[in-house]
Structures are given as structure tokens and as C-alpha cells.
């Protein structure tokens, strides 16, 4: 679930993935005195199952784009967002790279670096950051050449302390000029 300020500067749009097994997006218009909706929009994206309970969606800082990732789909969903109507358009799905070169004791091939958990935009709206089990990637969404669009920011676990070395249960957020990677273990502090 994610919120974005309406173009009028007073109201908010609240977007939430629809029922599991569908490609629906629910949106609500939150006003100072009432909540309207749900308004349902069907997207040209895969239907996410209950196996995809983990993941994240994020609006760009200027509110013109929405990005979304789900745990077991190595795909990045990107769409334009209309802050007046609350509708998504020009949706596209981009495959997120796999990398198994830094995994110490690799599990079966289908799970190597396949867990996707976090997504956020850079403060300048130009890049999207995606966290996976062993890597953090930067995607330049307006780069037409997909081979140049992806850049691996963090390659492999970043610490020897087992509790925090993987990114699979992490949420990403941008704040000022920094990208924060926040683990579940840190949420109670």
C-alpha cells in the first residue's frame, strides 16, 4: 500500500494491490472528511499470488511514477501516475537481473538471487533502486538500452554478521540525498 498527494495539494491517493490472483489495483481518494473508493483498475501486469505477500511499491518523489516489486517475481513494474485522476498508465514490466557469483552456498538454481523485496526512487526521479537477496541494483528507467539501464550498486552480502547480511527482508526508502535499506530487525528501534 502506498500514498501519494493529490494534484490539488490537499487530498491523497492511496493505492493497494487488489485481490491476490488478479492484476487489479485498488485506489482510494482520501479527503479531509471522507474516503472515496475503492476504484478498481486492471493493469497489464502479472497476477500476483499469495506467495507474493512480500514486496514493496513506491511513488517517485514528484508523484508521477509508481514502481512495484514482489518477492518471487524477478520483475520491476513501472507505470506513470496521474495525480489528478489517480490512474496508472503506460505500465511496463522489466526483468531484474540475476547474479549468483557471490552466493557462498548456493541453493537450487531457481532461488539464486531471486528474492526481491525492496524498491524506491532516487530523489531526482531518474533511478529506481531494487533490493534482492544478495544484491542491490540501480535501474535508469528512461534509458532505452536495457543493457545499459541496470547497474549493480551492492554486490553480495555487506557484512559478516549473519543476522543482517542479506537484503531479502529489507525495505528501501529515499530520504533527502540518501537511500536507506531498513531491515525488519531494526523496525522496533
C-alpha atoms as a PDB file:
ATOM      1  CA  UNK A   1       0.000   0.000   0.000  1.00  0.00           C
ATOM      2  CA  UNK A   2       1.332   3.443  -0.854  1.00  0.00           C
ATOM      3  CA  UNK A   3       0.030   7.024  -0.696  1.00  0.00           C
ATOM      4  CA  UNK A   4       0.661   9.997  -2.986  1.00  0.00           C
ATOM      5  CA  UNK A   5      -0.540  13.561  -2.595  1.00  0.00           C
ATOM      6  CA  UNK A   6      -3.316  14.563  -4.998  1.00  0.00           C
ATOM      7  CA  UNK A   7      -2.510  17.291  -7.514  1.00  0.00           C
ATOM      8  CA  UNK A   8      -4.771  19.684  -5.569  1.00  0.00           C
ATOM      9  CA  UNK A   9      -2.298  19.587  -2.648  1.00  0.00           C
ATOM     10  CA  UNK A  10      -4.997  18.745  -0.099  1.00  0.00           C
ATOM     11  CA  UNK A  11      -6.226  15.208  -0.806  1.00  0.00           C
ATOM     12  CA  UNK A  12      -4.283  11.949  -1.060  1.00  0.00           C
ATOM     13  CA  UNK A  13      -4.433   8.915  -3.324  1.00  0.00           C
ATOM     14  CA  UNK A  14      -3.985   5.575  -1.588  1.00  0.00           C
ATOM     15  CA  UNK A  15      -3.094   2.636  -3.853  1.00  0.00           C
ATOM     16  CA  UNK A  16      -3.193  -1.002  -2.863  1.00  0.00           C
ATOM     17  CA  UNK A  17      -2.774  -4.221  -4.761  1.00  0.00           C
ATOM     18  CA  UNK A  18      -6.148  -5.867  -5.354  1.00  0.00           C
ATOM     19  CA  UNK A  19      -7.140  -9.405  -4.514  1.00  0.00           C
ATOM     20  CA  UNK A  20      -4.389 -11.991  -4.874  1.00  0.00           C
ATOM     21  CA  UNK A  21      -4.510 -13.921  -8.118  1.00  0.00           C
ATOM     22  CA  UNK A  22      -5.620 -10.803 -10.034  1.00  0.00           C
ATOM     23  CA  UNK A  23      -3.839  -7.884 -11.647  1.00  0.00           C
ATOM     24  CA  UNK A  24      -6.112  -5.298 -10.067  1.00  0.00           C
ATOM     25  CA  UNK A  25      -5.057  -2.136  -8.296  1.00  0.00           C
ATOM     26  CA  UNK A  26      -7.399  -0.536  -5.757  1.00  0.00           C
ATOM     27  CA  UNK A  27      -7.232   3.201  -5.281  1.00  0.00           C
ATOM     28  CA  UNK A  28      -8.912   5.366  -2.694  1.00  0.00           C
ATOM     29  CA  UNK A  29      -9.264   9.133  -2.628  1.00  0.00           C
ATOM     30  CA  UNK A  30      -8.622  10.292   0.936  1.00  0.00           C
ATOM     31  CA  UNK A  31     -10.128  13.699   1.676  1.00  0.00           C
ATOM     32  CA  UNK A  32     -10.060  15.606   4.982  1.00  0.00           C
ATOM     33  CA  UNK A  33     -13.603  14.460   5.825  1.00  0.00           C
ATOM     34  CA  UNK A  34     -14.140  11.231   3.860  1.00  0.00           C
ATOM     35  CA  UNK A  35     -12.594   8.359   1.918  1.00  0.00           C
ATOM     36  CA  UNK A  36     -13.920   7.587  -1.561  1.00  0.00           C
ATOM     37  CA  UNK A  37     -13.479   4.254  -3.318  1.00  0.00           C
ATOM     38  CA  UNK A  38     -12.310   1.687  -3.866  1.00  0.00           C
ATOM     39  CA  UNK A  39     -11.868   2.438  -7.546  1.00  0.00           C
ATOM     40  CA  UNK A  40     -10.557  -0.637  -9.355  1.00  0.00           C
ATOM     41  CA  UNK A  41      -8.116  -0.530 -12.246  1.00  0.00           C
ATOM     42  CA  UNK A  42      -6.980  -3.652 -14.104  1.00  0.00           C
ATOM     43  CA  UNK A  43      -3.311  -3.488 -15.028  1.00  0.00           C
ATOM     44  CA  UNK A  44      -1.399  -5.252 -17.803  1.00  0.00           C
ATOM     45  CA  UNK A  45       0.810  -6.966 -15.256  1.00  0.00           C
ATOM     46  CA  UNK A  46       1.102 -10.492 -13.907  1.00  0.00           C
ATOM     47  CA  UNK A  47      -1.442 -11.647 -11.369  1.00  0.00           C
ATOM     48  CA  UNK A  48       0.391 -11.916  -8.046  1.00  0.00           C
ATOM     49  CA  UNK A  49      -0.459 -14.863  -5.829  1.00  0.00           C
ATOM     50  CA  UNK A  50      -0.435 -15.272  -2.064  1.00  0.00           C
ATOM     51  CA  UNK A  51       3.215 -16.339  -2.394  1.00  0.00           C
ATOM     52  CA  UNK A  52       3.917 -12.677  -3.130  1.00  0.00           C
ATOM     53  CA  UNK A  53       2.891 -11.306   0.249  1.00  0.00           C
ATOM     54  CA  UNK A  54       6.280  -9.618   0.496  1.00  0.00           C
ATOM     55  CA  UNK A  55       7.364  -6.804  -1.735  1.00  0.00           C
ATOM     56  CA  UNK A  56       7.060  -3.082  -1.940  1.00  0.00           C
ATOM     57  CA  UNK A  57       5.603  -0.293  -4.015  1.00  0.00           C
ATOM     58  CA  UNK A  58       6.892   3.266  -4.165  1.00  0.00           C
ATOM     59  CA  UNK A  59       5.988   6.558  -5.783  1.00  0.00           C
ATOM     60  CA  UNK A  60       8.627   8.785  -7.304  1.00  0.00           C
ATOM     61  CA  UNK A  61       9.327  11.935  -5.259  1.00  0.00           C
ATOM     62  CA  UNK A  62       7.368  14.067  -7.743  1.00  0.00           C
ATOM     63  CA  UNK A  63       4.442  11.593  -7.722  1.00  0.00           C
ATOM     64  CA  UNK A  64       4.458  10.955 -11.478  1.00  0.00           C
ATOM     65  CA  UNK A  65       5.591   7.293 -11.392  1.00  0.00           C
ATOM     66  CA  UNK A  66       4.858   4.153  -9.409  1.00  0.00           C
ATOM     67  CA  UNK A  67       7.272   1.225  -9.099  1.00  0.00           C
ATOM     68  CA  UNK A  68       6.424  -2.151  -7.593  1.00  0.00           C
ATOM     69  CA  UNK A  69       8.266  -5.401  -6.879  1.00  0.00           C
ATOM     70  CA  UNK A  70       7.054  -8.700  -5.451  1.00  0.00           C
ATOM     71  CA  UNK A  71       9.027 -11.286  -3.580  1.00  0.00           C
ATOM     72  CA  UNK A  72       9.149 -14.215  -6.015  1.00  0.00           C
ATOM     73  CA  UNK A  73       8.883 -12.345  -9.306  1.00  0.00           C
ATOM     74  CA  UNK A  74      12.193 -11.018 -10.549  1.00  0.00           C
ATOM     75  CA  UNK A  75      10.335  -8.213 -12.294  1.00  0.00           C
ATOM     76  CA  UNK A  76      10.041  -4.492 -11.795  1.00  0.00           C
ATOM     77  CA  UNK A  77       6.626  -2.968 -12.542  1.00  0.00           C
ATOM     78  CA  UNK A  78       6.744   0.719 -13.554  1.00  0.00           C
ATOM     79  CA  UNK A  79       3.815   2.947 -14.538  1.00  0.00           C
ATOM     80  CA  UNK A  80       3.012   6.617 -14.968  1.00  0.00           C
ATOM     81  CA  UNK A  81       0.694   8.008 -12.295  1.00  0.00           C
ATOM     82  CA  UNK A  82      -1.858  10.777 -12.843  1.00  0.00           C
ATOM     83  CA  UNK A  83      -2.104  12.724  -9.593  1.00  0.00           C
ATOM     84  CA  UNK A  84      -5.465  14.231 -10.679  1.00  0.00           C
ATOM     85  CA  UNK A  85      -7.344  11.026 -11.586  1.00  0.00           C
ATOM     86  CA  UNK A  86      -5.305   8.518  -9.583  1.00  0.00           C
ATOM     87  CA  UNK A  87      -4.961   6.277 -12.628  1.00  0.00           C
ATOM     88  CA  UNK A  88      -1.909   4.370 -13.770  1.00  0.00           C
ATOM     89  CA  UNK A  89      -0.883   4.323 -17.442  1.00  0.00           C
ATOM     90  CA  UNK A  90       1.993   3.272 -19.712  1.00  0.00           C
ATOM     91  CA  UNK A  91       2.710   0.286 -17.493  1.00  0.00           C
ATOM     92  CA  UNK A  92       5.729  -1.814 -18.291  1.00  0.00           C
ATOM     93  CA  UNK A  93       7.430  -4.777 -16.716  1.00  0.00           C
ATOM     94  CA  UNK A  94      11.213  -5.013 -16.704  1.00  0.00           C
ATOM     95  CA  UNK A  95      13.170  -8.143 -15.816  1.00  0.00           C
ATOM     96  CA  UNK A  96      15.535  -7.634 -12.881  1.00  0.00           C
ATOM     97  CA  UNK A  97      18.998  -9.164 -13.396  1.00  0.00           C
ATOM     98  CA  UNK A  98      20.057 -12.402 -11.686  1.00  0.00           C
ATOM     99  CA  UNK A  99      23.501 -12.813 -10.191  1.00  0.00           C
ATOM    100  CA  UNK A 100      24.815 -15.925  -8.465  1.00  0.00           C
ATOM    101  CA  UNK A 101      28.521 -15.090  -8.339  1.00  0.00           C
ATOM    102  CA  UNK A 102      28.590 -14.024  -4.680  1.00  0.00           C
ATOM    103  CA  UNK A 103      26.420 -16.691  -3.077  1.00  0.00           C
ATOM    104  CA  UNK A 104      28.516 -18.746  -0.636  1.00  0.00           C
ATOM    105  CA  UNK A 105      26.493 -21.990  -0.579  1.00  0.00           C
ATOM    106  CA  UNK A 106      24.084 -21.651  -3.460  1.00  0.00           C
ATOM    107  CA  UNK A 107      20.609 -23.125  -3.064  1.00  0.00           C
ATOM    108  CA  UNK A 108      18.864 -24.645  -6.087  1.00  0.00           C
ATOM    109  CA  UNK A 109      19.308 -22.592  -9.264  1.00  0.00           C
ATOM    110  CA  UNK A 110      15.725 -21.298  -9.303  1.00  0.00           C
ATOM    111  CA  UNK A 111      16.168 -19.474  -5.986  1.00  0.00           C
ATOM    112  CA  UNK A 112      19.612 -17.953  -6.550  1.00  0.00           C
ATOM    113  CA  UNK A 113      19.294 -14.211  -6.042  1.00  0.00           C
ATOM    114  CA  UNK A 114      15.623 -14.408  -6.977  1.00  0.00           C
ATOM    115  CA  UNK A 115      14.037 -12.936  -3.840  1.00  0.00           C
ATOM    116  CA  UNK A 116      13.051  -9.309  -4.463  1.00  0.00           C
ATOM    117  CA  UNK A 117      11.907  -7.233  -1.502  1.00  0.00           C
ATOM    118  CA  UNK A 118      12.520  -3.509  -1.777  1.00  0.00           C
ATOM    119  CA  UNK A 119      12.109  -0.681  -4.263  1.00  0.00           C
ATOM    120  CA  UNK A 120      12.490   3.091  -4.157  1.00  0.00           C
ATOM    121  CA  UNK A 121      13.200   6.042  -6.431  1.00  0.00           C
ATOM    122  CA  UNK A 122      16.206   8.310  -6.243  1.00  0.00           C
ATOM    123  CA  UNK A 123      15.488  11.849  -5.023  1.00  0.00           C
ATOM    124  CA  UNK A 124      15.953  13.195  -8.588  1.00  0.00           C
ATOM    125  CA  UNK A 125      13.377  10.701 -10.035  1.00  0.00           C
ATOM    126  CA  UNK A 126      15.960   9.359 -12.519  1.00  0.00           C
ATOM    127  CA  UNK A 127      16.758   5.996 -10.906  1.00  0.00           C
ATOM    128  CA  UNK A 128      14.885   3.145  -9.276  1.00  0.00           C
ATOM    129  CA  UNK A 129      16.682   1.034  -6.662  1.00  0.00           C
ATOM    130  CA  UNK A 130      15.774  -2.623  -6.152  1.00  0.00           C
ATOM    131  CA  UNK A 131      16.984  -4.841  -3.310  1.00  0.00           C
ATOM    132  CA  UNK A 132      17.330  -8.580  -3.812  1.00  0.00           C
ATOM    133  CA  UNK A 133      18.651 -11.308  -1.514  1.00  0.00           C
ATOM    134  CA  UNK A 134      22.320 -10.692  -2.331  1.00  0.00           C
ATOM    135  CA  UNK A 135      22.411  -7.535  -4.413  1.00  0.00           C
ATOM    136  CA  UNK A 136      21.087  -4.010  -4.733  1.00  0.00           C
ATOM    137  CA  UNK A 137      20.516  -2.737  -8.262  1.00  0.00           C
ATOM    138  CA  UNK A 138      20.007   0.696  -9.763  1.00  0.00           C
ATOM    139  CA  UNK A 139      17.733   0.981 -12.790  1.00  0.00           C
ATOM    140  CA  UNK A 140      17.689   4.050 -15.030  1.00  0.00           C
ATOM    141  CA  UNK A 141      14.061   3.859 -16.138  1.00  0.00           C
ATOM    142  CA  UNK A 142      14.378   6.298 -19.068  1.00  0.00           C
ATOM    143  CA  UNK A 143      17.423   4.533 -20.611  1.00  0.00           C
ATOM    144  CA  UNK A 144      16.221   2.899 -23.866  1.00  0.00           C
ATOM    145  CA  UNK A 145      19.051   0.316 -23.952  1.00  0.00           C
ATOM    146  CA  UNK A 146      18.215  -2.288 -21.294  1.00  0.00           C
ATOM    147  CA  UNK A 147      21.832  -3.495 -21.197  1.00  0.00           C
ATOM    148  CA  UNK A 148      22.884  -0.017 -20.005  1.00  0.00           C
ATOM    149  CA  UNK A 149      19.889   0.617 -17.745  1.00  0.00           C
ATOM    150  CA  UNK A 150      20.930  -1.741 -14.902  1.00  0.00           C
ATOM    151  CA  UNK A 151      23.855  -1.149 -12.549  1.00  0.00           C
ATOM    152  CA  UNK A 152      24.688  -3.286  -9.520  1.00  0.00           C
ATOM    153  CA  UNK A 153      25.213  -0.951  -6.548  1.00  0.00           C
ATOM    154  CA  UNK A 154      25.947  -3.602  -3.902  1.00  0.00           C
ATOM    155  CA  UNK A 155      27.423  -6.950  -4.885  1.00  0.00           C
ATOM    156  CA  UNK A 156      26.892  -9.660  -2.296  1.00  0.00           C
ATOM    157  CA  UNK A 157      26.363  -9.542   1.460  1.00  0.00           C
ATOM    158  CA  UNK A 158      27.775  -6.391   3.009  1.00  0.00           C
ATOM    159  CA  UNK A 159      28.699  -7.683   6.473  1.00  0.00           C
ATOM    160  CA  UNK A 160      29.828 -10.832   8.227  1.00  0.00           C
ATOM    161  CA  UNK A 161      27.168 -10.550  10.910  1.00  0.00           C
ATOM    162  CA  UNK A 162      24.706 -13.230   9.809  1.00  0.00           C
ATOM    163  CA  UNK A 163      21.573 -11.509  11.052  1.00  0.00           C
ATOM    164  CA  UNK A 164      21.965  -8.521   8.726  1.00  0.00           C
ATOM    165  CA  UNK A 165      23.932  -9.727   5.742  1.00  0.00           C
ATOM    166  CA  UNK A 166      21.125 -10.353   3.271  1.00  0.00           C
ATOM    167  CA  UNK A 167      18.635  -7.919   1.742  1.00  0.00           C
ATOM    168  CA  UNK A 168      15.687 -10.313   1.391  1.00  0.00           C
ATOM    169  CA  UNK A 169      13.639  -8.871   4.256  1.00  0.00           C
ATOM    170  CA  UNK A 170      14.520  -5.262   3.738  1.00  0.00           C
ATOM    171  CA  UNK A 171      12.526  -2.203   2.841  1.00  0.00           C
ATOM    172  CA  UNK A 172      14.023   0.646   0.864  1.00  0.00           C
ATOM    173  CA  UNK A 173      13.214   4.325   1.227  1.00  0.00           C
ATOM    174  CA  UNK A 174      14.725   7.554  -0.023  1.00  0.00           C
ATOM    175  CA  UNK A 175      15.286  10.395   2.357  1.00  0.00           C
ATOM    176  CA  UNK A 176      16.979  13.660   1.432  1.00  0.00           C
ATOM    177  CA  UNK A 177      20.045  12.583  -0.561  1.00  0.00           C
ATOM    178  CA  UNK A 178      20.344   9.041   0.816  1.00  0.00           C
ATOM    179  CA  UNK A 179      18.823   5.661   0.048  1.00  0.00           C
ATOM    180  CA  UNK A 180      18.054   3.774   3.257  1.00  0.00           C
ATOM    181  CA  UNK A 181      17.922  -0.002   3.464  1.00  0.00           C
ATOM    182  CA  UNK A 182      15.947  -0.886   6.578  1.00  0.00           C
ATOM    183  CA  UNK A 183      15.847  -4.454   7.881  1.00  0.00           C
ATOM    184  CA  UNK A 184      12.921  -5.976   9.725  1.00  0.00           C
ATOM    185  CA  UNK A 185      15.124  -6.426  12.770  1.00  0.00           C
ATOM    186  CA  UNK A 186      15.551  -2.619  13.006  1.00  0.00           C
ATOM    187  CA  UNK A 187      11.860  -1.644  12.911  1.00  0.00           C
ATOM    188  CA  UNK A 188      11.367  -1.721  16.696  1.00  0.00           C
ATOM    189  CA  UNK A 189      14.148   0.751  17.429  1.00  0.00           C
END
